[in-house]
């Protein structure tokens, strides 16, 4: 019974992984793609934990922890880069420099 539940949970996570991958490919904005990437990272983390439970091997939990840490650091790096990228694309579209909210005249 437990084995069957683990297999069904893995299939459910596979469905969510495919849906997130599709959203990454067709997401209309960078923010949508970033959110889909973080969902995909969480699904992968869940898959690693389910694999650890199924195979009764603790090494998968260690791998899941390291994967989660690197995923969070990647999120921080992308979140820091994304606003600058959006401002540059707005400048190209409008031809005018975009001012940040905290800049004074």
C-alpha atoms as a PDB file:
ATOM      1  CA  UNK A   1       0.000   0.000   0.000  1.00  0.00           C
ATOM      2  CA  UNK A   2       2.745   2.450   0.931  1.00  0.00           C
ATOM      3  CA  UNK A   3       4.663   1.605  -2.240  1.00  0.00           C
ATOM      4  CA  UNK A   4       1.583   2.365  -4.335  1.00  0.00           C
ATOM      5  CA  UNK A   5       1.107   5.741  -2.659  1.00  0.00           C
ATOM      6  CA  UNK A   6       4.745   6.638  -3.276  1.00  0.00           C
ATOM      7  CA  UNK A   7       4.446   5.730  -6.948  1.00  0.00           C
ATOM      8  CA  UNK A   8       1.272   7.809  -7.337  1.00  0.00           C
ATOM      9  CA  UNK A   9       2.917  10.748  -5.575  1.00  0.00           C
ATOM     10  CA  UNK A  10       5.864  10.502  -7.976  1.00  0.00           C
ATOM     11  CA  UNK A  11       3.515  10.532 -10.971  1.00  0.00           C
ATOM     12  CA  UNK A  12       1.765  13.586  -9.538  1.00  0.00           C
ATOM     13  CA  UNK A  13       5.106  15.353  -9.097  1.00  0.00           C
ATOM     14  CA  UNK A  14       6.044  14.406 -12.665  1.00  0.00           C
ATOM     15  CA  UNK A  15       2.840  16.053 -13.894  1.00  0.00           C
ATOM     16  CA  UNK A  16       3.638  19.238 -11.971  1.00  0.00           C
ATOM     17  CA  UNK A  17       7.208  19.195 -13.307  1.00  0.00           C
ATOM     18  CA  UNK A  18       5.964  19.010 -16.895  1.00  0.00           C
ATOM     19  CA  UNK A  19       3.427  21.790 -16.270  1.00  0.00           C
ATOM     20  CA  UNK A  20       6.150  23.994 -14.759  1.00  0.00           C
ATOM     21  CA  UNK A  21       8.489  23.298 -17.665  1.00  0.00           C
ATOM     22  CA  UNK A  22       5.777  24.342 -20.108  1.00  0.00           C
ATOM     23  CA  UNK A  23       5.219  27.561 -18.139  1.00  0.00           C
ATOM     24  CA  UNK A  24       8.965  28.264 -18.230  1.00  0.00           C
ATOM     25  CA  UNK A  25       8.948  27.921 -22.016  1.00  0.00           C
ATOM     26  CA  UNK A  26       5.799  29.952 -22.766  1.00  0.00           C
ATOM     27  CA  UNK A  27       5.634  32.297 -19.761  1.00  0.00           C
ATOM     28  CA  UNK A  28       4.793  35.790 -20.960  1.00  0.00           C
ATOM     29  CA  UNK A  29       7.087  37.605 -18.527  1.00  0.00           C
ATOM     30  CA  UNK A  30      10.352  36.989 -16.752  1.00  0.00           C
ATOM     31  CA  UNK A  31       8.593  36.964 -13.393  1.00  0.00           C
ATOM     32  CA  UNK A  32       6.269  34.165 -14.546  1.00  0.00           C
ATOM     33  CA  UNK A  33       9.248  32.152 -15.704  1.00  0.00           C
ATOM     34  CA  UNK A  34      11.029  32.743 -12.400  1.00  0.00           C
ATOM     35  CA  UNK A  35       8.037  31.522 -10.408  1.00  0.00           C
ATOM     36  CA  UNK A  36       7.700  28.456 -12.631  1.00  0.00           C
ATOM     37  CA  UNK A  37      11.411  27.746 -12.157  1.00  0.00           C
ATOM     38  CA  UNK A  38      11.030  27.895  -8.386  1.00  0.00           C
ATOM     39  CA  UNK A  39       8.010  25.566  -8.555  1.00  0.00           C
ATOM     40  CA  UNK A  40      10.068  23.157 -10.658  1.00  0.00           C
ATOM     41  CA  UNK A  41      12.835  23.328  -8.071  1.00  0.00           C
ATOM     42  CA  UNK A  42      10.358  22.525  -5.292  1.00  0.00           C
ATOM     43  CA  UNK A  43       8.915  19.619  -7.263  1.00  0.00           C
ATOM     44  CA  UNK A  44      12.418  18.235  -7.776  1.00  0.00           C
ATOM     45  CA  UNK A  45      13.051  18.561  -4.059  1.00  0.00           C
ATOM     46  CA  UNK A  46       9.861  16.648  -3.319  1.00  0.00           C
ATOM     47  CA  UNK A  47      10.829  13.964  -5.824  1.00  0.00           C
ATOM     48  CA  UNK A  48      14.209  13.517  -4.129  1.00  0.00           C
ATOM     49  CA  UNK A  49      12.534  13.183  -0.716  1.00  0.00           C
ATOM     50  CA  UNK A  50      10.063  10.614  -2.056  1.00  0.00           C
ATOM     51  CA  UNK A  51      12.935   8.680  -3.599  1.00  0.00           C
ATOM     52  CA  UNK A  52      14.729   8.685  -0.237  1.00  0.00           C
ATOM     53  CA  UNK A  53      11.642   7.294   1.481  1.00  0.00           C
ATOM     54  CA  UNK A  54      11.024   4.696  -1.230  1.00  0.00           C
ATOM     55  CA  UNK A  55      14.595   3.390  -1.352  1.00  0.00           C
ATOM     56  CA  UNK A  56      15.240   3.925   2.378  1.00  0.00           C
ATOM     57  CA  UNK A  57      18.508   5.729   1.648  1.00  0.00           C
ATOM     58  CA  UNK A  58      19.393   8.863   3.605  1.00  0.00           C
ATOM     59  CA  UNK A  59      21.872  10.082   0.997  1.00  0.00           C
ATOM     60  CA  UNK A  60      18.964  11.342  -1.106  1.00  0.00           C
ATOM     61  CA  UNK A  61      17.907  13.611   1.750  1.00  0.00           C
ATOM     62  CA  UNK A  62      21.391  15.113   1.872  1.00  0.00           C
ATOM     63  CA  UNK A  63      21.282  15.684  -1.871  1.00  0.00           C
ATOM     64  CA  UNK A  64      17.813  17.252  -1.503  1.00  0.00           C
ATOM     65  CA  UNK A  65      19.080  19.643   1.177  1.00  0.00           C
ATOM     66  CA  UNK A  66      22.047  20.786  -0.919  1.00  0.00           C
ATOM     67  CA  UNK A  67      19.806  21.093  -3.981  1.00  0.00           C
ATOM     68  CA  UNK A  68      17.384  23.288  -2.029  1.00  0.00           C
ATOM     69  CA  UNK A  69      20.174  25.553  -0.784  1.00  0.00           C
ATOM     70  CA  UNK A  70      21.530  26.048  -4.300  1.00  0.00           C
ATOM     71  CA  UNK A  71      18.003  26.639  -5.598  1.00  0.00           C
ATOM     72  CA  UNK A  72      17.474  29.405  -3.055  1.00  0.00           C
ATOM     73  CA  UNK A  73      20.814  31.035  -3.914  1.00  0.00           C
ATOM     74  CA  UNK A  74      19.880  30.867  -7.585  1.00  0.00           C
ATOM     75  CA  UNK A  75      16.567  32.566  -6.819  1.00  0.00           C
ATOM     76  CA  UNK A  76      18.362  35.390  -5.036  1.00  0.00           C
ATOM     77  CA  UNK A  77      20.772  35.871  -7.940  1.00  0.00           C
ATOM     78  CA  UNK A  78      17.997  35.923 -10.534  1.00  0.00           C
ATOM     79  CA  UNK A  79      15.802  38.213  -8.426  1.00  0.00           C
ATOM     80  CA  UNK A  80      18.649  40.688  -8.160  1.00  0.00           C
ATOM     81  CA  UNK A  81      19.318  40.597 -11.915  1.00  0.00           C
ATOM     82  CA  UNK A  82      15.694  40.621 -13.115  1.00  0.00           C
ATOM     83  CA  UNK A  83      14.769  44.283 -12.294  1.00  0.00           C
ATOM     84  CA  UNK A  84      17.830  45.600 -14.136  1.00  0.00           C
ATOM     85  CA  UNK A  85      17.010  43.461 -17.133  1.00  0.00           C
ATOM     86  CA  UNK A  86      13.423  44.707 -17.171  1.00  0.00           C
ATOM     87  CA  UNK A  87      14.564  48.335 -16.976  1.00  0.00           C
ATOM     88  CA  UNK A  88      16.936  47.860 -19.916  1.00  0.00           C
ATOM     89  CA  UNK A  89      14.190  46.289 -22.033  1.00  0.00           C
ATOM     90  CA  UNK A  90      11.853  49.216 -21.218  1.00  0.00           C
ATOM     91  CA  UNK A  91      14.560  51.679 -22.256  1.00  0.00           C
ATOM     92  CA  UNK A  92      14.955  49.886 -25.583  1.00  0.00           C
ATOM     93  CA  UNK A  93      11.191  49.858 -26.175  1.00  0.00           C
ATOM     94  CA  UNK A  94      10.517  53.497 -25.282  1.00  0.00           C
ATOM     95  CA  UNK A  95      13.862  55.052 -26.152  1.00  0.00           C
ATOM     96  CA  UNK A  96      13.812  56.957 -22.856  1.00  0.00           C
ATOM     97  CA  UNK A  97      15.898  56.201 -19.787  1.00  0.00           C
ATOM     98  CA  UNK A  98      13.903  54.650 -16.960  1.00  0.00           C
ATOM     99  CA  UNK A  99      14.402  56.194 -13.531  1.00  0.00           C
ATOM    100  CA  UNK A 100      14.327  54.179 -10.367  1.00  0.00           C
ATOM    101  CA  UNK A 101      11.870  55.147  -7.648  1.00  0.00           C
ATOM    102  CA  UNK A 102      14.567  56.248  -5.204  1.00  0.00           C
ATOM    103  CA  UNK A 103      16.353  58.569  -7.680  1.00  0.00           C
ATOM    104  CA  UNK A 104      15.803  62.288  -7.255  1.00  0.00           C
ATOM    105  CA  UNK A 105      15.853  64.927  -9.986  1.00  0.00           C
END
